[in-house]
């Protein structure tokens, strides 16, 4: 029996959904185990770690992660209580606040990322090989461009 194009698309879609779920589950489990962090909190630390002076405004942090401002603020409050980030007033705008990764936060994000790369990213990429990794990167970029509410085009190039 031949597989119809609709059956093949349905199978591929199911595989994509399961892959996304397994990927998120792996990242969540690893961040929890190695950093005692929720994956969403780890995402905040990764963004901060990538910024100059490990700092950005709360609004920009929310925008970068595609989180609501209230979700971001709540997560930052949790991280602040753990001593991982500091929240500071922005001189130019009293209503705004700046989030800064503490030294403890820098150490934690480096540790968790190092283990994440060793346990999840590097084995996955090694299994795929360089050409497929580049293809995966291209496909991921196209999906983000198409699905991201914060982009204006919303079409796959």
N, C-alpha and C. Protein backbone atom coordinates (compact mmCIF):
# COMPACT_ATOMS: atom_id res chain seq x y z
N UNK A 1 0.84 -1.17 0.00
CA UNK A 1 0.00 0.00 0.00
C UNK A 1 0.89 1.24 0.00
N UNK A 2 0.63 2.17 -0.89
CA UNK A 2 1.39 3.42 -0.97
C UNK A 2 0.88 4.40 0.09
N UNK A 3 1.83 5.22 0.56
CA UNK A 3 1.47 6.27 1.51
C UNK A 3 1.08 7.50 0.71
N UNK A 4 -0.09 8.03 1.01
CA UNK A 4 -0.54 9.24 0.31
C UNK A 4 0.24 10.44 0.83
N UNK A 5 0.32 11.49 0.03
CA UNK A 5 1.02 12.71 0.51
C UNK A 5 0.43 13.23 1.81
N UNK A 6 -0.90 13.11 1.96
CA UNK A 6 -1.53 13.59 3.21
C UNK A 6 -1.07 12.76 4.40
N UNK A 7 -0.95 11.42 4.21
CA UNK A 7 -0.48 10.56 5.28
C UNK A 7 0.98 10.87 5.64
N UNK A 8 1.78 11.14 4.64
CA UNK A 8 3.18 11.47 4.89
C UNK A 8 3.31 12.79 5.65
N UNK A 9 2.54 13.79 5.24
CA UNK A 9 2.57 15.08 5.94
C UNK A 9 2.10 14.90 7.38
N UNK A 10 1.07 14.12 7.60
CA UNK A 10 0.58 13.87 8.96
C UNK A 10 1.65 13.18 9.80
N UNK A 11 2.35 12.23 9.23
CA UNK A 11 3.42 11.52 9.95
C UNK A 11 4.56 12.47 10.28
N UNK A 12 4.95 13.29 9.31
CA UNK A 12 6.04 14.25 9.52
C UNK A 12 5.63 15.25 10.60
N UNK A 13 4.40 15.74 10.54
CA UNK A 13 3.92 16.69 11.54
C UNK A 13 3.95 16.08 12.93
N UNK A 14 3.51 14.83 13.05
CA UNK A 14 3.54 14.15 14.35
C UNK A 14 4.98 14.01 14.85
N UNK A 15 5.91 13.70 13.96
CA UNK A 15 7.32 13.61 14.35
C UNK A 15 7.87 14.96 14.80
N UNK A 16 7.51 16.03 14.11
CA UNK A 16 7.96 17.38 14.49
C UNK A 16 7.42 17.73 15.88
N UNK A 17 6.14 17.48 16.11
CA UNK A 17 5.56 17.78 17.42
C UNK A 17 6.24 16.99 18.53
N UNK A 18 6.47 15.71 18.28
CA UNK A 18 7.12 14.87 19.29
C UNK A 18 8.56 15.32 19.51
N UNK A 19 9.28 15.65 18.45
CA UNK A 19 10.67 16.12 18.58
C UNK A 19 10.72 17.40 19.41
N UNK A 20 9.81 18.33 19.15
CA UNK A 20 9.76 19.58 19.93
C UNK A 20 9.49 19.29 21.40
N UNK A 21 8.55 18.40 21.65
CA UNK A 21 8.21 18.03 23.02
C UNK A 21 9.41 17.38 23.73
N UNK A 22 10.05 16.42 23.06
CA UNK A 22 11.19 15.73 23.67
C UNK A 22 12.37 16.67 23.90
N UNK A 23 12.57 17.59 22.98
CA UNK A 23 13.64 18.57 23.11
C UNK A 23 13.38 19.47 24.33
N UNK A 24 12.18 20.01 24.44
CA UNK A 24 11.82 20.86 25.59
C UNK A 24 11.91 20.08 26.90
N UNK A 25 11.44 18.84 26.89
CA UNK A 25 11.49 18.02 28.10
C UNK A 25 12.94 17.77 28.52
N UNK A 26 13.80 17.48 27.57
CA UNK A 26 15.22 17.25 27.87
C UNK A 26 15.86 18.50 28.45
N UNK A 27 15.58 19.65 27.86
CA UNK A 27 16.14 20.91 28.35
C UNK A 27 15.60 21.24 29.74
N UNK A 28 14.32 21.01 29.96
CA UNK A 28 13.71 21.27 31.27
C UNK A 28 14.35 20.39 32.34
N UNK A 29 14.45 19.11 32.05
CA UNK A 29 15.02 18.15 33.00
C UNK A 29 16.47 18.50 33.32
N UNK A 30 17.24 18.84 32.30
CA UNK A 30 18.66 19.15 32.48
C UNK A 30 18.84 20.44 33.27
N UNK A 31 18.07 21.50 32.97
CA UNK A 31 18.18 22.76 33.71
C UNK A 31 17.78 22.57 35.17
N UNK A 32 16.78 21.75 35.40
CA UNK A 32 16.33 21.47 36.76
C UNK A 32 17.42 20.70 37.53
N UNK A 33 17.98 19.68 36.90
CA UNK A 33 18.98 18.84 37.55
C UNK A 33 20.28 19.60 37.81
N UNK A 34 20.79 20.31 36.80
CA UNK A 34 22.11 20.92 36.92
C UNK A 34 22.09 22.33 37.50
N UNK A 35 20.94 23.00 37.47
CA UNK A 35 20.90 24.37 37.97
C UNK A 35 19.78 24.65 38.94
N UNK A 36 18.95 23.63 39.21
CA UNK A 36 17.76 23.82 40.04
C UNK A 36 16.92 24.98 39.50
N UNK A 37 16.79 25.01 38.15
CA UNK A 37 16.09 26.08 37.44
C UNK A 37 15.03 25.51 36.52
N UNK A 38 13.96 26.24 36.35
CA UNK A 38 13.01 25.94 35.28
C UNK A 38 13.68 26.34 33.97
N UNK A 39 13.34 25.66 32.89
CA UNK A 39 13.94 25.98 31.60
C UNK A 39 13.65 27.42 31.19
N UNK A 40 12.45 27.92 31.47
CA UNK A 40 12.12 29.31 31.16
C UNK A 40 13.03 30.29 31.90
N UNK A 41 13.40 29.96 33.13
CA UNK A 41 14.32 30.80 33.88
C UNK A 41 15.72 30.71 33.28
N UNK A 42 16.07 29.51 32.82
CA UNK A 42 17.38 29.34 32.18
C UNK A 42 17.45 30.18 30.90
N UNK A 43 16.35 30.26 30.18
CA UNK A 43 16.33 31.08 28.96
C UNK A 43 16.62 32.55 29.30
N UNK A 44 16.09 33.02 30.40
CA UNK A 44 16.35 34.39 30.84
C UNK A 44 17.84 34.58 31.11
N UNK A 45 18.44 33.63 31.80
CA UNK A 45 19.86 33.73 32.12
C UNK A 45 20.72 33.70 30.87
N UNK A 46 20.34 32.88 29.90
CA UNK A 46 21.11 32.80 28.65
C UNK A 46 21.06 34.15 27.91
N UNK A 47 19.89 34.76 27.85
CA UNK A 47 19.78 36.07 27.20
C UNK A 47 20.64 37.09 27.93
N UNK A 48 20.54 37.15 29.23
CA UNK A 48 21.33 38.11 30.00
C UNK A 48 22.82 37.87 29.81
N UNK A 49 23.22 36.62 29.82
CA UNK A 49 24.63 36.27 29.66
C UNK A 49 25.18 36.70 28.30
N UNK A 50 24.31 36.81 27.31
CA UNK A 50 24.76 37.17 25.96
C UNK A 50 24.81 38.68 25.74
N UNK A 51 24.34 39.47 26.68
CA UNK A 51 24.26 40.92 26.52
C UNK A 51 25.49 41.60 27.12
N UNK A 52 25.82 42.79 26.59
CA UNK A 52 26.91 43.56 27.20
C UNK A 52 26.61 43.82 28.68
N UNK A 53 27.61 43.66 29.51
CA UNK A 53 27.49 43.80 30.96
C UNK A 53 26.43 42.86 31.55
N UNK A 54 26.07 41.82 30.81
CA UNK A 54 25.07 40.83 31.27
C UNK A 54 23.81 41.53 31.79
N UNK A 55 23.32 42.47 31.01
CA UNK A 55 22.24 43.33 31.47
C UNK A 55 21.34 43.75 30.31
N UNK A 56 20.05 43.88 30.59
CA UNK A 56 19.09 44.41 29.62
C UNK A 56 17.86 44.89 30.38
N UNK A 57 17.01 45.65 29.73
CA UNK A 57 15.78 46.09 30.39
C UNK A 57 14.80 44.92 30.47
N UNK A 58 13.89 45.02 31.41
CA UNK A 58 12.87 43.99 31.57
C UNK A 58 12.02 43.88 30.30
N UNK A 59 11.69 45.02 29.72
CA UNK A 59 10.88 45.03 28.50
C UNK A 59 11.60 44.35 27.34
N UNK A 60 12.88 44.65 27.17
CA UNK A 60 13.66 44.03 26.10
C UNK A 60 13.83 42.53 26.34
N UNK A 61 13.99 42.14 27.58
CA UNK A 61 14.11 40.73 27.93
C UNK A 61 12.83 39.99 27.54
N UNK A 62 11.68 40.55 27.89
CA UNK A 62 10.40 39.95 27.54
C UNK A 62 10.24 39.86 26.02
N UNK A 63 10.59 40.92 25.34
CA UNK A 63 10.47 40.96 23.87
C UNK A 63 11.37 39.89 23.22
N UNK A 64 12.60 39.79 23.69
CA UNK A 64 13.55 38.82 23.13
C UNK A 64 13.05 37.40 23.29
N UNK A 65 12.50 37.09 24.45
CA UNK A 65 12.04 35.73 24.75
C UNK A 65 10.63 35.44 24.26
N UNK A 66 9.93 36.49 23.81
CA UNK A 66 8.52 36.36 23.39
C UNK A 66 7.67 35.90 24.57
N UNK A 67 8.03 36.41 25.77
CA UNK A 67 7.26 36.19 26.99
C UNK A 67 6.45 37.45 27.24
N UNK A 68 5.36 37.32 27.99
CA UNK A 68 4.63 38.52 28.42
C UNK A 68 5.49 39.26 29.44
N UNK A 69 5.23 40.54 29.58
CA UNK A 69 5.97 41.34 30.55
C UNK A 69 5.71 40.83 31.97
N UNK A 70 4.47 40.44 32.25
CA UNK A 70 4.16 39.95 33.60
C UNK A 70 4.85 38.62 33.89
N UNK A 71 4.90 37.73 32.90
CA UNK A 71 5.60 36.45 33.08
C UNK A 71 7.08 36.69 33.32
N UNK A 72 7.66 37.61 32.55
CA UNK A 72 9.08 37.92 32.69
C UNK A 72 9.36 38.52 34.06
N UNK A 73 8.52 39.46 34.47
CA UNK A 73 8.70 40.11 35.77
C UNK A 73 8.60 39.10 36.91
N UNK A 74 7.64 38.20 36.82
CA UNK A 74 7.47 37.17 37.85
C UNK A 74 8.71 36.27 37.91
N UNK A 75 9.21 35.85 36.75
CA UNK A 75 10.40 34.99 36.71
C UNK A 75 11.62 35.72 37.26
N UNK A 76 11.76 36.99 36.90
CA UNK A 76 12.90 37.79 37.39
C UNK A 76 12.82 37.93 38.90
N UNK A 77 11.63 38.10 39.44
CA UNK A 77 11.46 38.19 40.90
C UNK A 77 11.94 36.90 41.56
N UNK A 78 11.59 35.76 40.99
CA UNK A 78 12.05 34.48 41.53
C UNK A 78 13.56 34.37 41.47
N UNK A 79 14.15 34.74 40.33
CA UNK A 79 15.61 34.67 40.18
C UNK A 79 16.31 35.67 41.10
N UNK A 80 15.67 36.80 41.32
CA UNK A 80 16.22 37.83 42.21
C UNK A 80 16.29 37.29 43.65
N UNK A 81 15.24 36.61 44.09
CA UNK A 81 15.21 36.03 45.44
C UNK A 81 16.29 34.98 45.62
N UNK A 82 16.70 34.34 44.51
CA UNK A 82 17.75 33.32 44.56
C UNK A 82 19.15 33.93 44.44
N UNK A 83 19.23 35.25 44.25
CA UNK A 83 20.52 35.91 44.13
C UNK A 83 21.18 35.74 42.77
N UNK A 84 20.41 35.34 41.77
CA UNK A 84 20.95 35.05 40.44
C UNK A 84 20.92 36.29 39.56
N UNK A 85 19.96 37.18 39.78
CA UNK A 85 19.87 38.45 39.04
C UNK A 85 19.57 39.58 40.03
N UNK A 86 19.88 40.79 39.58
CA UNK A 86 19.48 42.00 40.30
C UNK A 86 18.58 42.80 39.38
N UNK A 87 17.63 43.50 39.98
CA UNK A 87 16.77 44.41 39.23
C UNK A 87 17.11 45.82 39.68
N UNK A 88 17.37 46.68 38.69
CA UNK A 88 17.77 48.05 39.00
C UNK A 88 16.91 49.04 38.22
N UNK A 89 16.76 50.21 38.80
CA UNK A 89 16.01 51.27 38.11
C UNK A 89 16.81 51.78 36.93
N UNK A 90 16.11 52.21 35.89
CA UNK A 90 16.74 52.82 34.72
C UNK A 90 16.70 54.32 34.92
N UNK A 91 17.87 54.95 34.90
CA UNK A 91 17.95 56.39 35.16
C UNK A 91 17.07 57.20 34.23
N UNK A 92 17.07 56.86 32.94
CA UNK A 92 16.35 57.65 31.94
C UNK A 92 14.82 57.48 32.03
N UNK A 93 14.37 56.37 32.61
CA UNK A 93 12.94 56.07 32.64
C UNK A 93 12.60 55.42 33.97
N UNK A 94 12.01 56.16 34.85
CA UNK A 94 11.73 55.66 36.20
C UNK A 94 10.78 54.46 36.21
N UNK A 95 9.96 54.32 35.17
CA UNK A 95 9.02 53.20 35.12
C UNK A 95 9.70 51.91 34.69
N UNK A 96 10.85 52.03 34.04
CA UNK A 96 11.54 50.85 33.51
C UNK A 96 12.51 50.28 34.54
N UNK A 97 12.83 49.01 34.37
CA UNK A 97 13.86 48.42 35.21
C UNK A 97 14.82 47.61 34.35
N UNK A 98 16.03 47.52 34.85
CA UNK A 98 17.10 46.81 34.17
C UNK A 98 17.38 45.54 34.98
N UNK A 99 17.59 44.44 34.26
CA UNK A 99 17.89 43.17 34.91
C UNK A 99 19.36 42.86 34.64
N UNK A 100 20.08 42.52 35.70
CA UNK A 100 21.52 42.28 35.61
C UNK A 100 21.83 40.91 36.20
N UNK A 101 22.59 40.14 35.47
CA UNK A 101 23.04 38.83 35.94
C UNK A 101 24.11 39.03 37.01
N UNK A 102 23.94 38.42 38.16
CA UNK A 102 24.96 38.53 39.22
C UNK A 102 26.12 37.60 38.90
N UNK A 103 27.18 37.73 39.68
CA UNK A 103 28.34 36.83 39.51
C UNK A 103 27.91 35.38 39.72
N UNK A 104 27.08 35.14 40.71
CA UNK A 104 26.55 33.79 40.96
C UNK A 104 25.75 33.31 39.75
N UNK A 105 24.96 34.21 39.17
CA UNK A 105 24.17 33.88 37.98
C UNK A 105 25.06 33.56 36.80
N UNK A 106 26.13 34.30 36.63
CA UNK A 106 27.08 34.02 35.53
C UNK A 106 27.70 32.65 35.66
N UNK A 107 28.08 32.32 36.88
CA UNK A 107 28.67 31.00 37.12
C UNK A 107 27.64 29.90 36.83
N UNK A 108 26.43 30.10 37.30
CA UNK A 108 25.37 29.10 37.12
C UNK A 108 25.05 28.89 35.64
N UNK A 109 24.89 29.96 34.88
CA UNK A 109 24.53 29.82 33.47
C UNK A 109 25.66 29.13 32.71
N UNK A 110 26.90 29.44 33.03
CA UNK A 110 28.03 28.77 32.37
C UNK A 110 28.02 27.27 32.66
N UNK A 111 27.80 26.92 33.91
CA UNK A 111 27.76 25.51 34.30
C UNK A 111 26.64 24.76 33.59
N UNK A 112 25.43 25.32 33.64
CA UNK A 112 24.28 24.64 33.04
C UNK A 112 24.45 24.53 31.52
N UNK A 113 24.91 25.61 30.87
CA UNK A 113 25.13 25.56 29.42
C UNK A 113 26.20 24.56 29.03
N UNK A 114 27.26 24.51 29.81
CA UNK A 114 28.35 23.55 29.52
C UNK A 114 27.80 22.12 29.55
N UNK A 115 27.01 21.81 30.54
CA UNK A 115 26.44 20.46 30.64
C UNK A 115 25.37 20.23 29.57
N UNK A 116 24.59 21.28 29.27
CA UNK A 116 23.57 21.16 28.22
C UNK A 116 24.21 20.86 26.88
N UNK A 117 25.28 21.55 26.58
CA UNK A 117 25.98 21.31 25.31
C UNK A 117 26.54 19.89 25.27
N UNK A 118 27.14 19.44 26.37
CA UNK A 118 27.75 18.11 26.41
C UNK A 118 26.72 16.99 26.33
N UNK A 119 25.56 17.20 26.95
CA UNK A 119 24.57 16.12 27.04
C UNK A 119 23.49 16.16 25.98
N UNK A 120 23.17 17.35 25.46
CA UNK A 120 22.04 17.45 24.54
C UNK A 120 22.47 17.97 23.17
N UNK A 121 23.02 19.18 23.12
CA UNK A 121 23.34 19.80 21.84
C UNK A 121 24.40 19.04 21.06
N UNK A 122 25.56 18.82 21.67
CA UNK A 122 26.67 18.21 20.93
C UNK A 122 26.34 16.79 20.44
N UNK A 123 25.75 15.93 21.28
CA UNK A 123 25.40 14.59 20.76
C UNK A 123 24.37 14.64 19.63
N UNK A 124 23.39 15.54 19.73
CA UNK A 124 22.38 15.67 18.67
C UNK A 124 23.04 16.12 17.38
N UNK A 125 23.86 17.17 17.46
CA UNK A 125 24.51 17.70 16.26
C UNK A 125 25.51 16.70 15.68
N UNK A 126 26.23 15.99 16.53
CA UNK A 126 27.19 15.00 16.04
C UNK A 126 26.47 13.89 15.28
N UNK A 127 25.29 13.52 15.77
CA UNK A 127 24.49 12.49 15.11
C UNK A 127 24.00 12.95 13.74
N UNK A 128 23.71 14.24 13.62
CA UNK A 128 23.18 14.78 12.36
C UNK A 128 24.28 15.00 11.32
N UNK A 129 25.45 15.42 11.75
CA UNK A 129 26.52 15.77 10.82
C UNK A 129 26.39 17.22 10.39
N UNK A 130 27.48 17.82 9.87
CA UNK A 130 27.52 19.26 9.58
C UNK A 130 26.47 19.73 8.57
N UNK A 131 26.24 18.98 7.50
CA UNK A 131 25.27 19.42 6.48
C UNK A 131 23.85 19.46 7.04
N UNK A 132 23.50 18.44 7.80
CA UNK A 132 22.15 18.41 8.37
C UNK A 132 21.99 19.43 9.49
N UNK A 133 23.07 19.72 10.22
CA UNK A 133 23.00 20.76 11.25
C UNK A 133 22.70 22.11 10.58
N UNK A 134 23.39 22.39 9.47
CA UNK A 134 23.12 23.64 8.74
C UNK A 134 21.69 23.65 8.22
N UNK A 135 21.21 22.52 7.70
CA UNK A 135 19.83 22.42 7.22
C UNK A 135 18.85 22.64 8.37
N UNK A 136 19.12 22.03 9.52
CA UNK A 136 18.27 22.22 10.68
C UNK A 136 18.24 23.69 11.08
N UNK A 137 19.40 24.34 11.06
CA UNK A 137 19.46 25.77 11.37
C UNK A 137 18.63 26.59 10.41
N UNK A 138 18.71 26.26 9.12
CA UNK A 138 17.93 26.98 8.12
C UNK A 138 16.43 26.75 8.34
N UNK A 139 16.04 25.51 8.58
CA UNK A 139 14.63 25.20 8.82
C UNK A 139 14.12 25.89 10.08
N UNK A 140 14.93 25.90 11.14
CA UNK A 140 14.52 26.56 12.37
C UNK A 140 14.36 28.06 12.15
N UNK A 141 15.30 28.66 11.42
CA UNK A 141 15.20 30.09 11.12
C UNK A 141 13.93 30.40 10.33
N UNK A 142 13.63 29.58 9.36
CA UNK A 142 12.43 29.78 8.55
C UNK A 142 11.17 29.64 9.40
N UNK A 143 11.17 28.65 10.29
CA UNK A 143 10.00 28.46 11.17
C UNK A 143 9.82 29.66 12.09
N UNK A 144 10.91 30.15 12.67
CA UNK A 144 10.82 31.31 13.55
C UNK A 144 10.30 32.51 12.77
N UNK A 145 10.85 32.73 11.59
CA UNK A 145 10.42 33.86 10.77
C UNK A 145 8.94 33.77 10.46
N UNK A 146 8.47 32.58 10.18
CA UNK A 146 7.06 32.39 9.80
C UNK A 146 6.12 32.49 10.99
N UNK A 147 6.53 31.95 12.12
CA UNK A 147 5.64 31.83 13.27
C UNK A 147 5.74 32.98 14.27
N UNK A 148 6.80 33.73 14.23
CA UNK A 148 7.05 34.74 15.25
C UNK A 148 6.11 35.93 15.10
N UNK A 149 5.32 36.16 16.13
CA UNK A 149 4.39 37.29 16.13
C UNK A 149 5.10 38.64 16.10
N UNK A 150 6.37 38.66 16.53
CA UNK A 150 7.06 39.95 16.61
C UNK A 150 7.71 40.35 15.28
N UNK A 151 7.64 39.47 14.26
CA UNK A 151 8.17 39.85 12.95
C UNK A 151 7.05 40.40 12.10
N UNK A 152 7.38 41.27 11.18
CA UNK A 152 6.33 41.90 10.38
C UNK A 152 6.02 41.13 9.11
N UNK A 153 6.99 40.38 8.60
CA UNK A 153 6.75 39.69 7.30
C UNK A 153 5.84 38.48 7.47
N UNK A 154 6.23 37.54 8.31
CA UNK A 154 5.41 36.38 8.55
C UNK A 154 5.28 35.43 7.39
N UNK A 155 6.25 35.46 6.46
CA UNK A 155 6.21 34.52 5.33
C UNK A 155 7.53 33.78 5.26
N UNK A 156 7.47 32.58 4.81
CA UNK A 156 8.68 31.78 4.66
C UNK A 156 9.41 32.23 3.41
N UNK A 157 10.69 32.65 3.55
CA UNK A 157 11.43 33.12 2.36
C UNK A 157 11.72 32.00 1.40
